[in-house]
Amino acid sequence: ALGRAAGEASGARAALAAFGGLGPQFG
């Protein structure tokens, strides 16, 4: 479960980094 959660967290971080360039409106 810890391994799966860590994988999900890294995926979420990557998605968040990708969305970071969309600007303050998106935030």
mmCIF file of all heavy atoms, coordinates in Angstrom:
data_MODEL
# 
_entry.id   MODEL 
# 
loop_
_atom_site.group_PDB 
_atom_site.id 
_atom_site.type_symbol 
_atom_site.label_atom_id 
_atom_site.label_alt_id 
_atom_site.label_comp_id 
_atom_site.label_asym_id 
_atom_site.label_entity_id 
_atom_site.label_seq_id 
_atom_site.pdbx_PDB_ins_code 
_atom_site.Cartn_x 
_atom_site.Cartn_y 
_atom_site.Cartn_z 
_atom_site.occupancy 
_atom_site.B_iso_or_equiv 
_atom_site.pdbx_formal_charge 
_atom_site.auth_seq_id 
_atom_site.auth_comp_id 
_atom_site.auth_asym_id 
_atom_site.auth_atom_id 
_atom_site.pdbx_PDB_model_num 
ATOM 1   N N   . ALA A 1 1  ? 0.830  -1.204 0.000   1.00 0.00 ? 1  ALA A N   1 
ATOM 2   C CA  . ALA A 1 1  ? 0.000  0.000  0.000   1.00 0.00 ? 1  ALA A CA  1 
ATOM 3   C C   . ALA A 1 1  ? 0.864  1.253  0.000   1.00 0.00 ? 1  ALA A C   1 
ATOM 4   O O   . ALA A 1 1  ? 0.553  2.234  -0.685  1.00 0.00 ? 1  ALA A O   1 
ATOM 5   C CB  . ALA A 1 1  ? -0.927 -0.004 1.203   1.00 0.00 ? 1  ALA A CB  1 
ATOM 6   N N   . LEU A 1 2  ? 1.957  1.219  0.754   1.00 0.00 ? 2  LEU A N   1 
ATOM 7   C CA  . LEU A 1 2  ? 2.869  2.362  0.791   1.00 0.00 ? 2  LEU A CA  1 
ATOM 8   C C   . LEU A 1 2  ? 3.508  2.590  -0.578  1.00 0.00 ? 2  LEU A C   1 
ATOM 9   O O   . LEU A 1 2  ? 3.624  3.724  -1.039  1.00 0.00 ? 2  LEU A O   1 
ATOM 10  C CB  . LEU A 1 2  ? 3.948  2.143  1.846   1.00 0.00 ? 2  LEU A CB  1 
ATOM 11  C CG  . LEU A 1 2  ? 4.972  3.255  2.011   1.00 0.00 ? 2  LEU A CG  1 
ATOM 12  C CD1 . LEU A 1 2  ? 4.287  4.527  2.466   1.00 0.00 ? 2  LEU A CD1 1 
ATOM 13  C CD2 . LEU A 1 2  ? 6.038  2.841  3.005   1.00 0.00 ? 2  LEU A CD2 1 
ATOM 14  N N   . GLY A 1 3  ? 3.904  1.514  -1.234  1.00 0.00 ? 3  GLY A N   1 
ATOM 15  C CA  . GLY A 1 3  ? 4.487  1.634  -2.575  1.00 0.00 ? 3  GLY A CA  1 
ATOM 16  C C   . GLY A 1 3  ? 3.496  2.210  -3.577  1.00 0.00 ? 3  GLY A C   1 
ATOM 17  O O   . GLY A 1 3  ? 3.840  3.077  -4.385  1.00 0.00 ? 3  GLY A O   1 
ATOM 18  N N   . ARG A 1 4  ? 2.240  1.737  -3.510  1.00 0.00 ? 4  ARG A N   1 
ATOM 19  C CA  . ARG A 1 4  ? 1.217  2.272  -4.410  1.00 0.00 ? 4  ARG A CA  1 
ATOM 20  C C   . ARG A 1 4  ? 0.952  3.749  -4.133  1.00 0.00 ? 4  ARG A C   1 
ATOM 21  O O   . ARG A 1 4  ? 0.826  4.554  -5.050  1.00 0.00 ? 4  ARG A O   1 
ATOM 22  C CB  . ARG A 1 4  ? -0.074 1.462  -4.287  1.00 0.00 ? 4  ARG A CB  1 
ATOM 23  C CG  . ARG A 1 4  ? 0.022  0.079  -4.920  1.00 0.00 ? 4  ARG A CG  1 
ATOM 24  C CD  . ARG A 1 4  ? -1.332 -0.615 -4.960  1.00 0.00 ? 4  ARG A CD  1 
ATOM 25  N NE  . ARG A 1 4  ? -1.912 -0.807 -3.630  1.00 0.00 ? 4  ARG A NE  1 
ATOM 26  C CZ  . ARG A 1 4  ? -1.640 -1.814 -2.823  1.00 0.00 ? 4  ARG A CZ  1 
ATOM 27  N NH1 . ARG A 1 4  ? -0.769 -2.743 -3.201  1.00 0.00 ? 4  ARG A NH1 1 
ATOM 28  N NH2 . ARG A 1 4  ? -2.225 -1.915 -1.642  1.00 0.00 ? 4  ARG A NH2 1 
ATOM 29  N N   . ALA A 1 5  ? 0.894  4.107  -2.856  1.00 0.00 ? 5  ALA A N   1 
ATOM 30  C CA  . ALA A 1 5  ? 0.661  5.510  -2.496  1.00 0.00 ? 5  ALA A CA  1 
ATOM 31  C C   . ALA A 1 5  ? 1.815  6.395  -2.973  1.00 0.00 ? 5  ALA A C   1 
ATOM 32  O O   . ALA A 1 5  ? 1.594  7.508  -3.451  1.00 0.00 ? 5  ALA A O   1 
ATOM 33  C CB  . ALA A 1 5  ? 0.469  5.647  -0.992  1.00 0.00 ? 5  ALA A CB  1 
ATOM 34  N N   . ALA A 1 6  ? 3.037  5.897  -2.839  1.00 0.00 ? 6  ALA A N   1 
ATOM 35  C CA  . ALA A 1 6  ? 4.196  6.671  -3.304  1.00 0.00 ? 6  ALA A CA  1 
ATOM 36  C C   . ALA A 1 6  ? 4.140  6.845  -4.820  1.00 0.00 ? 6  ALA A C   1 
ATOM 37  O O   . ALA A 1 6  ? 4.455  7.924  -5.342  1.00 0.00 ? 6  ALA A O   1 
ATOM 38  C CB  . ALA A 1 6  ? 5.490  5.983  -2.896  1.00 0.00 ? 6  ALA A CB  1 
ATOM 39  N N   . GLY A 1 7  ? 3.730  5.797  -5.542  1.00 0.00 ? 7  GLY A N   1 
ATOM 40  C CA  . GLY A 1 7  ? 3.584  5.903  -6.995  1.00 0.00 ? 7  GLY A CA  1 
ATOM 41  C C   . GLY A 1 7  ? 2.519  6.908  -7.383  1.00 0.00 ? 7  GLY A C   1 
ATOM 42  O O   . GLY A 1 7  ? 2.707  7.711  -8.308  1.00 0.00 ? 7  GLY A O   1 
ATOM 43  N N   . GLU A 1 8  ? 1.389  6.884  -6.675  1.00 0.00 ? 8  GLU A N   1 
ATOM 44  C CA  . GLU A 1 8  ? 0.327  7.847  -6.944  1.00 0.00 ? 8  GLU A CA  1 
ATOM 45  C C   . GLU A 1 8  ? 0.787  9.272  -6.644  1.00 0.00 ? 8  GLU A C   1 
ATOM 46  O O   . GLU A 1 8  ? 0.477  10.202 -7.389  1.00 0.00 ? 8  GLU A O   1 
ATOM 47  C CB  . GLU A 1 8  ? -0.914 7.519  -6.120  1.00 0.00 ? 8  GLU A CB  1 
ATOM 48  C CG  . GLU A 1 8  ? -1.634 6.277  -6.566  1.00 0.00 ? 8  GLU A CG  1 
ATOM 49  C CD  . GLU A 1 8  ? -2.794 5.922  -5.643  1.00 0.00 ? 8  GLU A CD  1 
ATOM 50  O OE1 . GLU A 1 8  ? -3.169 6.744  -4.781  1.00 0.00 ? 8  GLU A OE1 1 
ATOM 51  O OE2 . GLU A 1 8  ? -3.328 4.810  -5.804  1.00 0.00 ? 8  GLU A OE2 1 
ATOM 52  N N   . ALA A 1 9  ? 1.531  9.434  -5.557  1.00 0.00 ? 9  ALA A N   1 
ATOM 53  C CA  . ALA A 1 9  ? 2.017  10.764 -5.185  1.00 0.00 ? 9  ALA A CA  1 
ATOM 54  C C   . ALA A 1 9  ? 2.989  11.306 -6.238  1.00 0.00 ? 9  ALA A C   1 
ATOM 55  O O   . ALA A 1 9  ? 2.928  12.483 -6.595  1.00 0.00 ? 9  ALA A O   1 
ATOM 56  C CB  . ALA A 1 9  ? 2.690  10.720 -3.818  1.00 0.00 ? 9  ALA A CB  1 
ATOM 57  N N   . SER A 1 10 ? 3.868  10.452 -6.746  1.00 0.00 ? 10 SER A N   1 
ATOM 58  C CA  . SER A 1 10 ? 4.814  10.928 -7.762  1.00 0.00 ? 10 SER A CA  1 
ATOM 59  C C   . SER A 1 10 ? 4.071  11.273 -9.048  1.00 0.00 ? 10 SER A C   1 
ATOM 60  O O   . SER A 1 10 ? 4.408  12.249 -9.722  1.00 0.00 ? 10 SER A O   1 
ATOM 61  C CB  . SER A 1 10 ? 5.899  9.897  -8.020  1.00 0.00 ? 10 SER A CB  1 
ATOM 62  O OG  . SER A 1 10 ? 5.351  8.736  -8.620  1.00 0.00 ? 10 SER A OG  1 
ATOM 63  N N   . GLY A 1 11 ? 3.036  10.500 -9.382  1.00 0.00 ? 11 GLY A N   1 
ATOM 64  C CA  . GLY A 1 11 ? 2.219  10.826 -10.554 1.00 0.00 ? 11 GLY A CA  1 
ATOM 65  C C   . GLY A 1 11 ? 1.489  12.141 -10.371 1.00 0.00 ? 11 GLY A C   1 
ATOM 66  O O   . GLY A 1 11 ? 1.394  12.959 -11.303 1.00 0.00 ? 11 GLY A O   1 
ATOM 67  N N   . ALA A 1 12 ? 0.982  12.371 -9.171  1.00 0.00 ? 12 ALA A N   1 
ATOM 68  C CA  . ALA A 1 12 ? 0.279  13.627 -8.889  1.00 0.00 ? 12 ALA A CA  1 
ATOM 69  C C   . ALA A 1 12 ? 1.243  14.810 -8.952  1.00 0.00 ? 12 ALA A C   1 
ATOM 70  O O   . ALA A 1 12 ? 0.895  15.872 -9.466  1.00 0.00 ? 12 ALA A O   1 
ATOM 71  C CB  . ALA A 1 12 ? -0.385 13.561 -7.521  1.00 0.00 ? 12 ALA A CB  1 
ATOM 72  N N   . ARG A 1 13 ? 2.473  14.609 -8.439  1.00 0.00 ? 13 ARG A N   1 
ATOM 73  C CA  . ARG A 1 13 ? 3.461  15.684 -8.519  1.00 0.00 ? 13 ARG A CA  1 
ATOM 74  C C   . ARG A 1 13 ? 3.802  16.027 -9.970  1.00 0.00 ? 13 ARG A C   1 
ATOM 75  O O   . ARG A 1 13 ? 3.950  17.194 -10.326 1.00 0.00 ? 13 ARG A O   1 
ATOM 76  C CB  . ARG A 1 13 ? 4.733  15.302 -7.767  1.00 0.00 ? 13 ARG A CB  1 
ATOM 77  C CG  . ARG A 1 13 ? 4.664  15.506 -6.271  1.00 0.00 ? 13 ARG A CG  1 
ATOM 78  C CD  . ARG A 1 13 ? 6.050  15.493 -5.660  1.00 0.00 ? 13 ARG A CD  1 
ATOM 79  N NE  . ARG A 1 13 ? 6.323  14.671 -4.536  1.00 0.00 ? 13 ARG A NE  1 
ATOM 80  C CZ  . ARG A 1 13 ? 6.034  13.398 -4.297  1.00 0.00 ? 13 ARG A CZ  1 
ATOM 81  N NH1 . ARG A 1 13 ? 5.396  12.707 -5.155  1.00 0.00 ? 13 ARG A NH1 1 
ATOM 82  N NH2 . ARG A 1 13 ? 6.367  12.788 -3.190  1.00 0.00 ? 13 ARG A NH2 1 
ATOM 83  N N   . ALA A 1 14 ? 3.935  14.995 -10.785 1.00 0.00 ? 14 ALA A N   1 
ATOM 84  C CA  . ALA A 1 14 ? 4.242  15.224 -12.204 1.00 0.00 ? 14 ALA A CA  1 
ATOM 85  C C   . ALA A 1 14 ? 3.091  15.960 -12.883 1.00 0.00 ? 14 ALA A C   1 
ATOM 86  O O   . ALA A 1 14 ? 3.310  16.886 -13.677 1.00 0.00 ? 14 ALA A O   1 
ATOM 87  C CB  . ALA A 1 14 ? 4.512  13.896 -12.899 1.00 0.00 ? 14 ALA A CB  1 
ATOM 88  N N   . ALA A 1 15 ? 1.848  15.557 -12.592 1.00 0.00 ? 15 ALA A N   1 
ATOM 89  C CA  . ALA A 1 15 ? 0.694  16.233 -13.185 1.00 0.00 ? 15 ALA A CA  1 
ATOM 90  C C   . ALA A 1 15 ? 0.619  17.674 -12.713 1.00 0.00 ? 15 ALA A C   1 
ATOM 91  O O   . ALA A 1 15 ? 0.328  18.582 -13.501 1.00 0.00 ? 15 ALA A O   1 
ATOM 92  C CB  . ALA A 1 15 ? -0.589 15.484 -12.827 1.00 0.00 ? 15 ALA A CB  1 
ATOM 93  N N   . LEU A 1 16 ? 0.889  17.902 -11.440 1.00 0.00 ? 16 LEU A N   1 
ATOM 94  C CA  . LEU A 1 16 ? 0.861  19.260 -10.909 1.00 0.00 ? 16 LEU A CA  1 
ATOM 95  C C   . LEU A 1 16 ? 1.926  20.126 -11.566 1.00 0.00 ? 16 LEU A C   1 
ATOM 96  O O   . LEU A 1 16 ? 1.675  21.285 -11.896 1.00 0.00 ? 16 LEU A O   1 
ATOM 97  C CB  . LEU A 1 16 ? 1.066  19.220 -9.396  1.00 0.00 ? 16 LEU A CB  1 
ATOM 98  C CG  . LEU A 1 16 ? 0.953  20.543 -8.654  1.00 0.00 ? 16 LEU A CG  1 
ATOM 99  C CD1 . LEU A 1 16 ? -0.422 21.155 -8.857  1.00 0.00 ? 16 LEU A CD1 1 
ATOM 100 C CD2 . LEU A 1 16 ? 1.214  20.320 -7.175  1.00 0.00 ? 16 LEU A CD2 1 
ATOM 101 N N   . ALA A 1 17 ? 3.106  19.566 -11.780 1.00 0.00 ? 17 ALA A N   1 
ATOM 102 C CA  . ALA A 1 17 ? 4.169  20.315 -12.446 1.00 0.00 ? 17 ALA A CA  1 
ATOM 103 C C   . ALA A 1 17 ? 3.771  20.657 -13.880 1.00 0.00 ? 17 ALA A C   1 
ATOM 104 O O   . ALA A 1 17 ? 4.046  21.755 -14.372 1.00 0.00 ? 17 ALA A O   1 
ATOM 105 C CB  . ALA A 1 17 ? 5.465  19.513 -12.432 1.00 0.00 ? 17 ALA A CB  1 
ATOM 106 N N   . ALA A 1 18 ? 3.077  19.723 -14.547 1.00 0.00 ? 18 ALA A N   1 
ATOM 107 C CA  . ALA A 1 18 ? 2.637  19.982 -15.917 1.00 0.00 ? 18 ALA A CA  1 
ATOM 108 C C   . ALA A 1 18 ? 1.587  21.091 -15.964 1.00 0.00 ? 18 ALA A C   1 
ATOM 109 O O   . ALA A 1 18 ? 1.566  21.903 -16.888 1.00 0.00 ? 18 ALA A O   1 
ATOM 110 C CB  . ALA A 1 18 ? 2.082  18.706 -16.531 1.00 0.00 ? 18 ALA A CB  1 
ATOM 111 N N   . PHE A 1 19 ? 0.713  21.129 -14.940 1.00 0.00 ? 19 PHE A N   1 
ATOM 112 C CA  . PHE A 1 19 ? -0.334 22.146 -14.906 1.00 0.00 ? 19 PHE A CA  1 
ATOM 113 C C   . PHE A 1 19 ? 0.165  23.484 -14.379 1.00 0.00 ? 19 PHE A C   1 
ATOM 114 O O   . PHE A 1 19 ? -0.540 24.485 -14.481 1.00 0.00 ? 19 PHE A O   1 
ATOM 115 C CB  . PHE A 1 19 ? -1.505 21.679 -14.045 1.00 0.00 ? 19 PHE A CB  1 
ATOM 116 C CG  . PHE A 1 19 ? -2.327 20.601 -14.682 1.00 0.00 ? 19 PHE A CG  1 
ATOM 117 C CD1 . PHE A 1 19 ? -2.577 19.425 -13.997 1.00 0.00 ? 19 PHE A CD1 1 
ATOM 118 C CD2 . PHE A 1 19 ? -2.840 20.751 -15.955 1.00 0.00 ? 19 PHE A CD2 1 
ATOM 119 C CE1 . PHE A 1 19 ? -3.326 18.424 -14.575 1.00 0.00 ? 19 PHE A CE1 1 
ATOM 120 C CE2 . PHE A 1 19 ? -3.598 19.754 -16.543 1.00 0.00 ? 19 PHE A CE2 1 
ATOM 121 C CZ  . PHE A 1 19 ? -3.844 18.587 -15.851 1.00 0.00 ? 19 PHE A CZ  1 
ATOM 122 N N   . GLY A 1 20 ? 1.352  23.503 -13.817 1.00 0.00 ? 20 GLY A N   1 
ATOM 123 C CA  . GLY A 1 20 ? 1.897  24.733 -13.250 1.00 0.00 ? 20 GLY A CA  1 
ATOM 124 C C   . GLY A 1 20 ? 2.051  25.846 -14.267 1.00 0.00 ? 20 GLY A C   1 
ATOM 125 O O   . GLY A 1 20 ? 1.949  27.026 -13.914 1.00 0.00 ? 20 GLY A O   1 
ATOM 126 N N   . GLY A 1 21 ? 2.256  25.513 -15.508 1.00 0.00 ? 21 GLY A N   1 
ATOM 127 C CA  . GLY A 1 21 ? 2.451  26.514 -16.544 1.00 0.00 ? 21 GLY A CA  1 
ATOM 128 C C   . GLY A 1 21 ? 1.167  27.112 -17.081 1.00 0.00 ? 21 GLY A C   1 
ATOM 129 O O   . GLY A 1 21 ? 1.207  27.978 -17.958 1.00 0.00 ? 21 GLY A O   1 
ATOM 130 N N   . LEU A 1 22 ? 0.027  26.697 -16.591 1.00 0.00 ? 22 LEU A N   1 
ATOM 131 C CA  . LEU A 1 22 ? -1.244 27.184 -17.119 1.00 0.00 ? 22 LEU A CA  1 
ATOM 132 C C   . LEU A 1 22 ? -1.663 28.535 -16.554 1.00 0.00 ? 22 LEU A C   1 
ATOM 133 O O   . LEU A 1 22 ? -2.611 29.129 -17.033 1.00 0.00 ? 22 LEU A O   1 
ATOM 134 C CB  . LEU A 1 22 ? -2.350 26.152 -16.878 1.00 0.00 ? 22 LEU A CB  1 
ATOM 135 C CG  . LEU A 1 22 ? -2.172 24.838 -17.623 1.00 0.00 ? 22 LEU A CG  1 
ATOM 136 C CD1 . LEU A 1 22 ? -3.281 23.874 -17.251 1.00 0.00 ? 22 LEU A CD1 1 
ATOM 137 C CD2 . LEU A 1 22 ? -2.151 25.053 -19.125 1.00 0.00 ? 22 LEU A CD2 1 
ATOM 138 N N   . GLY A 1 23 ? -0.988 29.001 -15.530 1.00 0.00 ? 23 GLY A N   1 
ATOM 139 C CA  . GLY A 1 23 ? -1.259 30.343 -15.033 1.00 0.00 ? 23 GLY A CA  1 
ATOM 140 C C   . GLY A 1 23 ? -2.066 30.386 -13.755 1.00 0.00 ? 23 GLY A C   1 
ATOM 141 O O   . GLY A 1 23 ? -2.557 29.377 -13.260 1.00 0.00 ? 23 GLY A O   1 
ATOM 142 N N   . PRO A 1 24 ? -2.220 31.602 -13.223 1.00 0.00 ? 24 PRO A N   1 
ATOM 143 C CA  . PRO A 1 24 ? -2.911 31.772 -11.941 1.00 0.00 ? 24 PRO A CA  1 
ATOM 144 C C   . PRO A 1 24 ? -4.410 31.463 -12.008 1.00 0.00 ? 24 PRO A C   1 
ATOM 145 O O   . PRO A 1 24 ? -5.013 31.056 -11.024 1.00 0.00 ? 24 PRO A O   1 
ATOM 146 C CB  . PRO A 1 24 ? -2.670 33.230 -11.575 1.00 0.00 ? 24 PRO A CB  1 
ATOM 147 C CG  . PRO A 1 24 ? -2.236 33.895 -12.820 1.00 0.00 ? 24 PRO A CG  1 
ATOM 148 C CD  . PRO A 1 24 ? -1.658 32.843 -13.714 1.00 0.00 ? 24 PRO A CD  1 
ATOM 149 N N   . GLN A 1 25 ? -5.039 31.667 -13.182 1.00 0.00 ? 25 GLN A N   1 
ATOM 150 C CA  . GLN A 1 25 ? -6.466 31.371 -13.304 1.00 0.00 ? 25 GLN A CA  1 
ATOM 151 C C   . GLN A 1 25 ? -6.710 29.881 -13.048 1.00 0.00 ? 25 GLN A C   1 
ATOM 152 O O   . GLN A 1 25 ? -7.677 29.503 -12.393 1.00 0.00 ? 25 GLN A O   1 
ATOM 153 C CB  . GLN A 1 25 ? -7.025 31.731 -14.686 1.00 0.00 ? 25 GLN A CB  1 
ATOM 154 C CG  . GLN A 1 25 ? -6.803 33.154 -15.099 1.00 0.00 ? 25 GLN A CG  1 
ATOM 155 C CD  . GLN A 1 25 ? -5.487 33.345 -15.854 1.00 0.00 ? 25 GLN A CD  1 
ATOM 156 O OE1 . GLN A 1 25 ? -4.613 32.483 -15.841 1.00 0.00 ? 25 GLN A OE1 1 
ATOM 157 N NE2 . GLN A 1 25 ? -5.352 34.503 -16.485 1.00 0.00 ? 25 GLN A NE2 1 
ATOM 158 N N   . PHE A 1 26 ? -5.830 29.070 -13.586 1.00 0.00 ? 26 PHE A N   1 
ATOM 159 C CA  . PHE A 1 26 ? -5.982 27.631 -13.390 1.00 0.00 ? 26 PHE A CA  1 
ATOM 160 C C   . PHE A 1 26 ? -5.796 27.273 -11.923 1.00 0.00 ? 26 PHE A C   1 
ATOM 161 O O   . PHE A 1 26 ? -6.510 26.421 -11.392 1.00 0.00 ? 26 PHE A O   1 
ATOM 162 C CB  . PHE A 1 26 ? -4.983 26.853 -14.256 1.00 0.00 ? 26 PHE A CB  1 
ATOM 163 C CG  . PHE A 1 26 ? -5.110 25.375 -14.069 1.00 0.00 ? 26 PHE A CG  1 
ATOM 164 C CD1 . PHE A 1 26 ? -6.137 24.683 -14.671 1.00 0.00 ? 26 PHE A CD1 1 
ATOM 165 C CD2 . PHE A 1 26 ? -4.219 24.686 -13.272 1.00 0.00 ? 26 PHE A CD2 1 
ATOM 166 C CE1 . PHE A 1 26 ? -6.278 23.319 -14.488 1.00 0.00 ? 26 PHE A CE1 1 
ATOM 167 C CE2 . PHE A 1 26 ? -4.344 23.322 -13.078 1.00 0.00 ? 26 PHE A CE2 1 
ATOM 168 C CZ  . PHE A 1 26 ? -5.382 22.641 -13.689 1.00 0.00 ? 26 PHE A CZ  1 
ATOM 169 N N   . GLY A 1 27 ? -4.868 27.927 -11.256 1.00 0.00 ? 27 GLY A N   1 
ATOM 170 C CA  . GLY A 1 27 ? -4.652 27.678 -9.840  1.00 0.00 ? 27 GLY A CA  1 
ATOM 171 C C   . GLY A 1 27 ? -5.895 27.972 -9.017  1.00 0.00 ? 27 GLY A C   1 
ATOM 172 O O   . GLY A 1 27 ? -6.262 27.215 -8.123  1.00 0.00 ? 27 GLY A O   1 
# 
